[in-house]
Amino acid sequence: MPDQPPFLPQQSKYSCAVACLRMLLAAHGIDRTEEELRILCDCGTEGTGERKIPIAEFEEDWQLMRGLTILCQK
């Protein structure tokens, strides 16, 4: 993992959570588009609630994520 995650700016005024998730995934070598993540996270014009960020949905990337799903479980 790099010292700092890559900077990937949000592509809309309401996709900040999705952009953060995208940078987190990219830091772990997982390349996803913002559009793909907006759909997966059910991101609308009100943004994305923290409980809608499904890191666990990336089953094929589970080993790379190494328990980061805890961040989304409260």
Protein backbone atom coordinates (compact mmCIF):
# COMPACT_ATOMS: atom_id res chain seq x y z
CA MET A 1 0.00 0.00 0.00
CA PRO A 2 1.37 3.47 -0.84
CA ASP A 3 2.19 5.99 1.91
CA GLN A 4 -0.76 8.08 0.76
CA PRO A 5 -3.82 7.02 -1.21
CA PRO A 6 -4.13 8.46 -4.71
CA PHE A 7 -6.18 11.64 -5.02
CA LEU A 8 -9.32 10.96 -7.04
CA PRO A 9 -11.61 14.01 -6.92
CA GLN A 10 -15.35 13.54 -6.63
CA GLN A 11 -17.11 13.85 -9.96
CA SER A 12 -20.32 15.40 -8.64
CA LYS A 13 -21.21 17.69 -5.76
CA TYR A 14 -22.91 14.85 -3.88
CA SER A 15 -20.43 11.98 -4.29
CA CYS A 16 -17.86 12.73 -1.57
CA ALA A 17 -18.36 9.41 0.27
CA VAL A 18 -18.08 7.50 -2.99
CA ALA A 19 -14.88 9.39 -3.88
CA CYS A 20 -13.43 8.48 -0.46
CA LEU A 21 -14.32 4.82 -0.97
CA ARG A 22 -12.77 4.94 -4.43
CA MET A 23 -9.50 6.33 -3.04
CA LEU A 24 -9.46 3.70 -0.29
CA LEU A 25 -9.96 0.91 -2.80
CA ALA A 26 -7.34 2.39 -5.16
CA ALA A 27 -4.81 2.48 -2.31
CA HIS A 28 -5.32 -1.29 -2.07
CA GLY A 29 -4.92 -1.79 -5.83
CA ILE A 30 -8.65 -2.08 -6.57
CA ASP A 31 -9.68 0.04 -9.56
CA ARG A 32 -13.36 1.03 -9.65
CA THR A 33 -15.09 3.88 -11.46
CA GLU A 34 -17.05 6.46 -9.53
CA GLU A 35 -20.13 5.59 -11.58
CA GLU A 36 -19.84 1.93 -10.57
CA LEU A 37 -19.48 2.86 -6.90
CA ARG A 38 -22.36 5.38 -7.02
CA ILE A 39 -24.66 2.60 -8.20
CA LEU A 40 -23.33 0.11 -5.66
CA CYS A 41 -23.65 2.61 -2.80
CA ASP A 42 -27.09 3.86 -3.89
CA CYS A 43 -25.70 7.40 -4.07
CA GLY A 44 -28.38 9.96 -4.93
CA THR A 45 -28.69 13.72 -5.01
CA GLU A 46 -28.64 13.73 -1.19
CA GLY A 47 -25.33 11.84 -1.15
CA THR A 48 -24.58 8.47 0.43
CA GLY A 49 -25.35 7.45 4.00
CA GLU A 50 -22.48 5.80 5.87
CA ARG A 51 -24.44 2.56 6.13
CA LYS A 52 -24.75 2.37 2.36
CA ILE A 53 -21.03 2.04 1.68
CA PRO A 54 -20.80 -1.70 1.04
CA ILE A 55 -17.11 -2.51 1.24
CA ALA A 56 -18.12 -6.11 1.94
CA GLU A 57 -19.74 -6.28 -1.51
CA PHE A 58 -16.29 -6.57 -3.07
CA GLU A 59 -16.15 -10.31 -2.46
CA GLU A 60 -13.48 -10.88 -5.10
CA ASP A 61 -11.31 -8.32 -3.32
CA TRP A 62 -11.93 -9.63 0.20
CA GLN A 63 -8.34 -10.67 0.86
CA LEU A 64 -7.05 -7.27 -0.24
CA MET A 65 -9.46 -5.43 2.00
CA ARG A 66 -8.42 -7.43 5.13
CA GLY A 67 -11.25 -6.51 7.46
CA LEU A 68 -11.88 -2.94 6.35
CA THR A 69 -15.58 -3.83 6.42
CA ILE A 70 -15.49 -2.99 10.11
CA LEU A 71 -15.41 0.67 9.09
CA CYS A 72 -18.97 0.35 7.80
CA GLN A 73 -20.46 -1.61 10.67
CA LYS A 74 -21.76 0.26 13.69
